[in-house]
Amino acid sequence: MIRSLYSGVAGMKNHQIRMDVIGNNISNVNTTGYKAGRTNFQDTLYQTIKSGGISTNPAQTGLGINVASISNYMEPGGLQSTGRTLDLGINGSGFFKVNKGANDSYYTRDGIFYLTNDGKMVNSDGYQLVGTTWEKAKSFTTVPNPDNAITTAGTLTVRGVLADGTVGQSVDIDLALGDSLDNVIAKINAEQSTSGVMAYKRPNDTNPGQYDLYITTVYNGYDKTYETTDALVVTADGSNLGLDGANLETNITNYTENVPIQITNVPISSINIQNNGMITGQDNKGAPLLFEGDYDVANIILYMFPNQDGLERINQNLFRESVSSGTAESGTPGETGYGTIASGYLEMSNVQLTDEFTNMIVTQRGYQANSRIITVSDTMLEELLNLKR
């Protein structure tokens, strides 16, 4: 038998693999966050017919073709507007991380997320989105009678951190006899652009009819310095809010990374996701959103890899960390090297149909040419067998 027969067989088999990859790309042309694959060929073993010498070159004949790799084309796809808040597109580099249970973690560019009835933020398959949470600087007190919160007139002095991360000014809030809880909240919030402090109320969990008054910093972000310096100072004189004679200093605390995101005060009335991944909003009682562990702030984070082309595809638009990809490195959206999050957008497939159809034609012709090798080789063998006649 002649070698060209086997070269033709190898060519047909490997062009079929390339066509499989092309077919998969085309079938996923409308799959959210899909990354196209590409088949790369290489020549295979060589048989040396004549060795090279000082004045002659070696004579070698090849034994066909082999698939060198099927690589992932990780360039971002275009963003398509949907207008839905929980549709998240990544503008730039990075992956979302989702957890299946406690032990299995996956990465994806598919940003379609939902809220379950218990407040978990999950993808279409129920895998929970991962982020970072922390507790804002705040203090709170229980108000037994919200209609007559102030039984002794006095002054409440507040100072917090402004929305831009700078420390606010100390502001005196005059509390009059008979002020209701709503009046107290309105007075505090009227000065929040100066003081960096805001107030809100939540029903007390154990005593119906009573409310907890929360006084918290306006700043939602996280700054390491606020773990050791005063992010919020609340002092009180003469009031009957449980702050009498108090000098309460509270800092940003309990910064926790890589935790599944779950809103605890559901149902919610509004939710907003900023381009740096921060989640804000209100529940149906007007209180800011709270997250699992009684945290005030949750921030979606993105993940990068030393070699993102080495991620292992599984299914359901998911990738898995592998030895080739290296260990995931987390970062806040918008940091150097990380993309930003676009709420109300989804990343489209990065499949280019013009390229795929061109590759399909080239692959088809390659397959046909290799089949002709087998046909011609068979004809040559037939001629050889006919010599005996």
Protein backbone atom coordinates (compact mmCIF):
# COMPACT_ATOMS: atom_id res chain seq x y z
CA MET A 1 0.00 0.00 0.00
CA ILE A 2 1.17 3.56 -0.69
CA ARG A 3 1.57 6.28 1.90
CA SER A 4 -0.68 8.78 0.09
CA LEU A 5 -3.72 6.65 0.96
CA TYR A 6 -3.14 7.23 4.65
CA SER A 7 -2.32 10.90 4.12
CA GLY A 8 -5.69 11.29 2.39
CA VAL A 9 -7.50 9.50 5.21
CA ALA A 10 -5.79 11.69 7.83
CA GLY A 11 -6.68 14.80 5.81
CA MET A 12 -10.35 13.86 5.59
CA LYS A 13 -10.61 12.99 9.30
CA ASN A 14 -9.00 16.23 10.45
CA HIS A 15 -10.93 18.42 8.01
CA GLN A 16 -14.05 16.81 9.41
CA ILE A 17 -12.99 17.95 12.91
CA ARG A 18 -12.48 21.46 11.56
CA MET A 19 -15.95 21.38 10.01
CA ASP A 20 -17.36 20.27 13.39
CA VAL A 21 -15.83 23.34 15.03
CA ILE A 22 -17.13 25.63 12.27
CA GLY A 23 -20.59 24.10 12.56
CA ASN A 24 -20.58 24.66 16.32
CA ASN A 25 -19.56 28.29 15.81
CA ILE A 26 -22.33 28.94 13.31
CA SER A 27 -24.96 27.23 15.47
CA ASN A 28 -23.97 29.57 18.35
CA VAL A 29 -24.03 32.76 16.29
CA ASN A 30 -26.83 34.11 18.55
CA THR A 31 -25.65 32.59 21.86
CA THR A 32 -25.06 35.23 24.52
CA GLY A 33 -21.38 35.61 25.42
CA TYR A 34 -20.28 32.74 23.16
CA LYS A 35 -16.61 32.62 22.14
CA ALA A 36 -15.75 31.11 18.76
CA GLY A 37 -13.37 28.19 18.37
CA ARG A 38 -10.67 27.79 15.76
CA THR A 39 -9.01 24.59 14.51
CA ASN A 40 -5.28 24.69 13.84
CA PHE A 41 -3.52 22.03 11.76
CA GLN A 42 0.05 20.78 11.77
CA ASP A 43 1.94 18.28 9.66
CA THR A 44 2.70 14.94 11.21
CA LEU A 45 5.47 12.30 11.00
CA TYR A 46 8.09 12.35 8.25
CA GLN A 47 9.87 9.37 6.69
CA THR A 48 13.41 10.09 5.61
CA ILE A 49 14.11 8.60 2.20
CA LYS A 50 17.58 10.05 1.93
CA SER A 51 19.67 11.67 4.65
CA GLY A 52 21.24 15.04 4.06
CA GLY A 53 24.94 15.52 3.58
CA ILE A 54 27.39 18.35 3.29
CA SER A 55 26.34 19.14 -0.25
CA THR A 56 22.88 17.54 -0.34
CA ASN A 57 19.62 18.18 1.44
CA PRO A 58 17.60 15.46 3.16
CA ALA A 59 14.75 13.89 1.22
CA GLN A 60 11.64 13.32 3.36
CA THR A 61 8.03 12.46 2.69
CA GLY A 62 5.24 13.39 5.07
CA LEU A 63 2.58 11.09 6.44
CA GLY A 64 -0.35 13.48 6.60
CA ILE A 65 -2.01 16.04 8.84
CA ASN A 66 -2.98 16.34 12.49
CA VAL A 67 -5.03 18.76 14.63
CA ALA A 68 -2.52 20.86 16.55
CA SER A 69 -5.11 22.66 18.68
CA ILE A 70 -8.67 23.93 18.89
CA SER A 71 -8.19 27.39 20.36
CA ASN A 72 -10.70 29.79 21.87
CA TYR A 73 -11.17 33.18 20.23
CA MET A 74 -11.71 35.32 23.34
CA GLU A 75 -12.20 38.75 21.79
CA PRO A 76 -15.28 40.53 23.25
CA GLY A 77 -18.50 40.46 21.26
CA GLY A 78 -20.64 43.53 20.66
CA LEU A 79 -23.05 44.78 23.34
CA GLN A 80 -26.77 44.69 22.58
CA SER A 81 -29.21 46.90 24.49
CA THR A 82 -32.03 45.11 26.33
CA GLY A 83 -33.16 47.73 28.85
CA ARG A 84 -33.36 45.10 31.61
CA THR A 85 -31.37 45.99 34.73
CA LEU A 86 -30.20 42.45 35.49
CA ASP A 87 -28.88 41.92 31.96
CA LEU A 88 -25.17 42.63 32.41
CA GLY A 89 -22.61 43.03 29.67
CA ILE A 90 -18.86 43.23 30.26
CA ASN A 91 -17.33 46.10 28.33
CA GLY A 92 -13.74 44.92 28.16
CA SER A 93 -11.88 42.05 29.81
CA GLY A 94 -13.00 39.75 32.59
CA PHE A 95 -15.48 37.04 33.49
CA PHE A 96 -18.38 36.74 35.91
CA LYS A 97 -18.03 34.00 38.49
CA VAL A 98 -21.00 31.80 39.39
CA ASN A 99 -21.21 29.11 42.03
CA LYS A 100 -23.09 25.84 41.78
CA GLY A 101 -23.58 24.89 45.39
CA ALA A 102 -20.70 25.32 47.81
CA ASN A 103 -17.89 23.67 45.87
CA ASP A 104 -18.26 24.17 42.10
CA SER A 105 -17.26 27.51 40.57
CA TYR A 106 -17.51 28.50 36.92
CA TYR A 107 -16.81 31.58 34.81
CA THR A 108 -18.92 33.13 32.09
CA ARG A 109 -19.47 36.16 29.86
CA ASP A 110 -23.20 35.43 29.75
CA GLY A 111 -24.72 38.19 31.88
CA ILE A 112 -28.39 37.16 32.05
CA PHE A 113 -29.24 37.11 35.77
CA TYR A 114 -32.42 36.82 37.82
CA LEU A 115 -33.55 37.28 41.41
CA THR A 116 -35.06 34.27 43.15
CA ASN A 117 -37.92 34.62 45.62
CA ASP A 118 -35.39 34.62 48.48
CA GLY A 119 -33.20 37.30 46.88
CA LYS A 120 -30.38 35.23 45.33
CA MET A 121 -28.89 36.63 42.14
CA VAL A 122 -28.60 33.65 39.78
CA ASN A 123 -28.07 32.83 36.11
CA SER A 124 -30.48 30.86 33.90
CA ASP A 125 -29.39 27.57 35.47
CA GLY A 126 -29.66 28.75 39.09
CA TYR A 127 -25.92 29.26 39.64
CA GLN A 128 -25.33 32.14 42.07
CA LEU A 129 -23.39 35.25 41.04
CA VAL A 130 -20.31 35.99 43.15
CA GLY A 131 -19.16 39.37 44.43
CA THR A 132 -17.79 41.28 47.40
CA THR A 133 -19.77 42.57 50.39
CA TRP A 134 -19.03 44.90 53.28
CA GLU A 135 -20.78 46.65 56.13
CA LYS A 136 -21.08 50.42 55.87
CA ALA A 137 -20.30 52.60 58.87
CA LYS A 138 -23.62 52.89 60.71
CA SER A 139 -25.37 52.89 64.04
CA PHE A 140 -28.97 52.15 64.90
CA THR A 141 -31.44 52.37 67.75
CA THR A 142 -34.93 51.03 68.35
CA VAL A 143 -37.76 53.58 68.43
CA PRO A 144 -40.75 52.27 70.45
CA ASN A 145 -43.18 55.01 69.35
CA PRO A 146 -42.53 56.22 65.78
CA ASP A 147 -45.27 58.89 66.04
CA ASN A 148 -43.62 60.52 69.06
CA ALA A 149 -39.95 59.57 68.75
CA ILE A 150 -38.53 62.63 70.56
CA THR A 151 -39.72 62.90 74.15
CA THR A 152 -36.90 65.25 75.16
CA ALA A 153 -35.67 68.00 72.85
CA GLY A 154 -31.99 67.95 72.02
CA THR A 155 -29.29 68.05 69.37
CA LEU A 156 -27.90 65.22 67.30
CA THR A 157 -24.43 65.79 65.80
CA VAL A 158 -23.52 63.70 62.77
CA ARG A 159 -20.48 63.35 60.53
CA GLY A 160 -19.90 60.71 57.86
CA VAL A 161 -18.34 60.15 54.45
CA LEU A 162 -19.70 61.85 51.34
CA ALA A 163 -20.61 59.98 48.16
CA ASP A 164 -17.27 60.85 46.56
CA GLY A 165 -15.33 59.25 49.43
CA THR A 166 -14.30 62.45 51.23
CA VAL A 167 -15.12 63.01 54.90
CA GLY A 168 -18.13 65.25 55.52
CA GLN A 169 -18.55 68.09 58.00
CA SER A 170 -20.01 67.79 61.49
CA VAL A 171 -23.62 68.98 61.39
CA ASP A 172 -25.94 69.65 64.35
CA ILE A 173 -29.49 68.37 63.91
CA ASP A 174 -32.02 70.04 66.22
CA LEU A 175 -34.65 67.58 67.44
CA ALA A 176 -37.85 69.09 68.82
CA LEU A 177 -40.16 67.63 71.43
CA GLY A 178 -42.77 65.46 69.72
CA ASP A 179 -40.86 64.99 66.48
CA SER A 180 -41.96 61.80 64.76
CA LEU A 181 -39.49 59.27 63.45
CA ASP A 182 -40.23 60.40 59.89
CA ASN A 183 -39.46 64.01 60.90
CA VAL A 184 -36.13 62.95 62.43
CA ILE A 185 -35.20 61.07 59.24
CA ALA A 186 -36.18 64.03 57.07
CA LYS A 187 -34.03 66.44 59.14
CA ILE A 188 -30.98 64.16 58.97
CA ASN A 189 -31.34 63.53 55.24
CA ALA A 190 -31.78 67.23 54.48
CA GLU A 191 -28.13 67.71 55.52
CA GLN A 192 -26.63 64.58 53.93
CA SER A 193 -24.90 66.48 51.11
CA THR A 194 -22.91 68.33 53.79
CA SER A 195 -22.59 65.74 56.56
CA GLY A 196 -22.23 62.58 54.49
CA VAL A 197 -24.85 60.90 56.71
CA MET A 198 -28.26 59.53 55.81
CA ALA A 199 -31.05 57.93 57.82
CA TYR A 200 -33.73 55.34 57.15
CA LYS A 201 -36.03 53.06 59.14
CA ARG A 202 -36.80 49.36 59.18
CA PRO A 203 -39.52 47.50 61.10
CA ASN A 204 -38.15 45.89 64.24
CA ASP A 205 -37.89 42.13 63.73
CA THR A 206 -39.18 41.14 67.16
CA ASN A 207 -41.51 43.97 68.21
CA PRO A 208 -44.39 44.77 65.82
CA GLY A 209 -45.15 48.50 65.62
CA GLN A 210 -41.61 49.49 66.59
CA TYR A 211 -38.94 50.64 64.18
CA ASP A 212 -35.18 50.59 64.06
CA LEU A 213 -33.67 53.94 63.06
CA TYR A 214 -30.46 53.51 61.08
CA ILE A 215 -28.00 56.37 60.74
CA THR A 216 -25.41 55.49 58.12
CA THR A 217 -22.73 57.02 55.96
CA VAL A 218 -23.73 58.12 52.45
CA TYR A 219 -20.59 56.54 50.97
CA ASN A 220 -21.26 53.14 49.44
CA GLY A 221 -17.71 52.37 48.35
CA TYR A 222 -14.96 50.65 50.23
CA ASP A 223 -11.78 52.35 51.39
CA LYS A 224 -9.26 50.52 53.55
CA THR A 225 -8.52 53.70 55.52
CA TYR A 226 -12.07 53.76 56.87
CA GLU A 227 -11.44 50.53 58.73
CA THR A 228 -9.09 52.38 61.06
CA THR A 229 -10.38 55.98 60.99
CA ASP A 230 -13.77 57.42 61.83
CA ALA A 231 -16.10 56.89 58.90
CA LEU A 232 -19.11 57.96 60.93
CA VAL A 233 -19.47 59.78 64.27
CA VAL A 234 -22.85 60.16 65.98
CA THR A 235 -23.25 62.08 69.25
CA ALA A 236 -26.47 62.95 71.07
CA ASP A 237 -27.58 65.22 73.91
CA GLY A 238 -31.05 65.34 75.40
CA SER A 239 -32.82 63.16 72.86
CA ASN A 240 -34.71 60.02 73.73
CA LEU A 241 -33.53 57.92 70.79
CA GLY A 242 -31.34 55.65 72.84
CA LEU A 243 -28.36 57.86 71.91
CA ASP A 244 -28.43 60.00 75.04
CA GLY A 245 -24.93 60.93 76.12
CA ALA A 246 -23.52 58.59 73.51
CA ASN A 247 -20.41 59.13 71.43
CA LEU A 248 -20.65 56.37 68.87
CA GLU A 249 -17.87 55.85 66.34
CA THR A 250 -18.41 53.25 63.65
CA ASN A 251 -16.12 52.28 60.78
CA ILE A 252 -16.53 50.34 57.54
CA THR A 253 -16.04 46.69 58.53
CA ASN A 254 -16.43 43.07 57.52
CA TYR A 255 -15.09 43.30 53.98
CA THR A 256 -15.63 39.85 52.46
CA GLU A 257 -14.56 38.70 48.99
CA ASN A 258 -15.85 35.91 46.76
CA VAL A 259 -19.27 35.49 48.34
CA PRO A 260 -22.54 34.60 46.60
CA ILE A 261 -24.79 37.66 46.29
CA GLN A 262 -28.15 37.46 48.03
CA ILE A 263 -30.51 40.32 48.93
CA THR A 264 -32.15 39.72 52.31
CA ASN A 265 -34.79 42.45 52.50
CA VAL A 266 -37.04 41.24 49.69
CA PRO A 267 -39.31 42.11 47.99
CA ILE A 268 -37.50 45.04 46.42
CA SER A 269 -38.92 48.11 44.74
CA SER A 270 -35.81 49.15 42.80
CA ILE A 271 -32.36 47.89 41.93
CA ASN A 272 -29.49 49.55 40.12
CA ILE A 273 -26.12 48.17 39.05
CA GLN A 274 -23.37 50.72 38.41
CA ASN A 275 -20.59 50.28 35.87
CA ASN A 276 -18.16 49.44 38.71
CA GLY A 277 -20.42 46.54 39.73
CA MET A 278 -21.93 48.14 42.83
CA ILE A 279 -25.52 47.09 43.56
CA THR A 280 -27.84 49.68 45.07
CA GLY A 281 -31.59 49.99 45.48
CA GLN A 282 -34.45 49.89 47.95
CA ASP A 283 -36.84 47.35 49.35
CA ASN A 284 -40.60 47.87 49.22
CA LYS A 285 -40.46 49.85 52.49
CA GLY A 286 -37.94 52.36 51.18
CA ALA A 287 -34.92 51.00 53.08
CA PRO A 288 -31.62 50.44 51.24
CA LEU A 289 -30.90 46.91 50.10
CA LEU A 290 -29.21 44.57 52.56
CA PHE A 291 -27.26 41.46 51.66
CA GLU A 292 -26.60 38.05 53.18
CA GLY A 293 -24.75 38.45 56.48
CA ASP A 294 -26.50 41.81 57.14
CA TYR A 295 -24.07 43.63 54.83
CA ASP A 296 -25.03 47.01 53.42
CA VAL A 297 -23.17 46.90 50.12
CA ALA A 298 -22.56 44.26 47.47
CA ASN A 299 -20.24 44.70 44.50
CA ILE A 300 -20.02 42.36 41.53
CA ILE A 301 -16.40 41.53 40.77
CA LEU A 302 -14.72 40.26 37.62
CA TYR A 303 -12.03 37.63 37.17
CA MET A 304 -9.01 37.49 34.89
CA PHE A 305 -6.62 34.63 34.09
CA PRO A 306 -2.93 34.50 33.17
CA ASN A 307 -4.01 32.56 30.07
CA GLN A 308 -7.71 32.98 29.37
CA ASP A 309 -7.38 30.92 26.17
CA GLY A 310 -6.59 27.96 28.42
CA LEU A 311 -10.02 27.95 30.09
CA GLU A 312 -11.88 24.68 29.72
CA ARG A 313 -15.28 24.89 28.05
CA ILE A 314 -18.05 22.85 29.60
CA ASN A 315 -21.60 23.82 28.56
CA GLN A 316 -24.33 26.32 29.46
CA ASN A 317 -22.04 29.21 28.40
CA LEU A 318 -19.63 28.31 31.20
CA PHE A 319 -15.86 27.95 31.45
CA ARG A 320 -13.84 26.17 34.11
CA GLU A 321 -10.42 27.01 35.48
CA SER A 322 -7.70 24.66 34.26
CA VAL A 323 -3.99 24.08 34.68
CA SER A 324 -3.45 25.88 31.37
CA SER A 325 -5.50 28.96 32.31
CA GLY A 326 -3.86 29.51 35.69
CA THR A 327 -5.60 30.72 38.84
CA ALA A 328 -8.35 33.34 38.63
CA GLU A 329 -7.46 36.84 39.83
CA SER A 330 -10.35 39.01 41.04
CA GLY A 331 -10.72 42.74 40.53
CA THR A 332 -13.28 45.52 40.72
CA PRO A 333 -14.83 46.45 37.36
CA GLY A 334 -13.03 49.51 35.97
CA GLU A 335 -9.69 48.75 37.63
CA THR A 336 -6.63 48.57 35.40
CA GLY A 337 -6.97 45.56 33.13
CA TYR A 338 -10.61 44.87 34.02
CA GLY A 339 -13.64 45.86 31.98
CA THR A 340 -16.70 47.72 33.22
CA ILE A 341 -20.23 46.40 33.65
CA ALA A 342 -23.01 47.71 31.42
CA SER A 343 -26.42 47.17 33.02
CA GLY A 344 -29.19 46.76 30.48
CA TYR A 345 -26.88 45.23 27.87
CA LEU A 346 -25.84 41.73 26.84
CA GLU A 347 -22.69 40.64 25.06
CA MET A 348 -23.41 39.04 21.71
CA SER A 349 -21.57 36.07 20.25
CA ASN A 350 -18.22 36.98 18.71
CA VAL A 351 -18.76 34.59 15.78
CA GLN A 352 -18.14 36.33 12.43
CA LEU A 353 -20.35 34.67 9.85
CA THR A 354 -18.30 35.96 6.91
CA ASP A 355 -15.20 34.29 8.32
CA GLU A 356 -17.03 31.09 9.18
CA PHE A 357 -18.59 30.70 5.73
CA THR A 358 -15.22 31.35 4.09
CA ASN A 359 -13.60 28.79 6.37
CA MET A 360 -16.40 26.38 5.54
CA ILE A 361 -15.67 26.66 1.81
CA VAL A 362 -11.93 26.20 2.36
CA THR A 363 -12.55 23.22 4.62
CA GLN A 364 -14.95 21.65 2.14
CA ARG A 365 -12.40 21.99 -0.67
CA GLY A 366 -9.69 20.57 1.57
CA TYR A 367 -11.90 17.60 2.35
CA GLN A 368 -12.63 17.08 -1.35
CA ALA A 369 -8.95 17.32 -2.28
CA ASN A 370 -8.04 14.70 0.31
CA SER A 371 -10.75 12.41 -0.96
CA ARG A 372 -9.25 12.80 -4.45
CA ILE A 373 -5.90 11.65 -3.04
CA ILE A 374 -7.56 8.40 -2.02
CA THR A 375 -9.27 8.05 -5.41
CA VAL A 376 -6.08 8.68 -7.40
CA SER A 377 -4.03 6.43 -5.10
CA ASP A 378 -6.58 3.69 -5.65
CA THR A 379 -6.27 4.16 -9.42
CA MET A 380 -2.50 3.85 -9.16
CA LEU A 381 -2.88 0.63 -7.18
CA GLU A 382 -5.28 -0.65 -9.79
CA GLU A 383 -2.71 0.05 -12.52
CA LEU A 384 -0.11 -1.76 -10.45
CA LEU A 385 -2.34 -4.82 -10.11
CA ASN A 386 -3.04 -4.75 -13.83
CA LEU A 387 0.67 -5.24 -14.61
CA LYS A 388 0.29 -8.98 -14.11
CA ARG A 389 -2.01 -9.09 -17.11
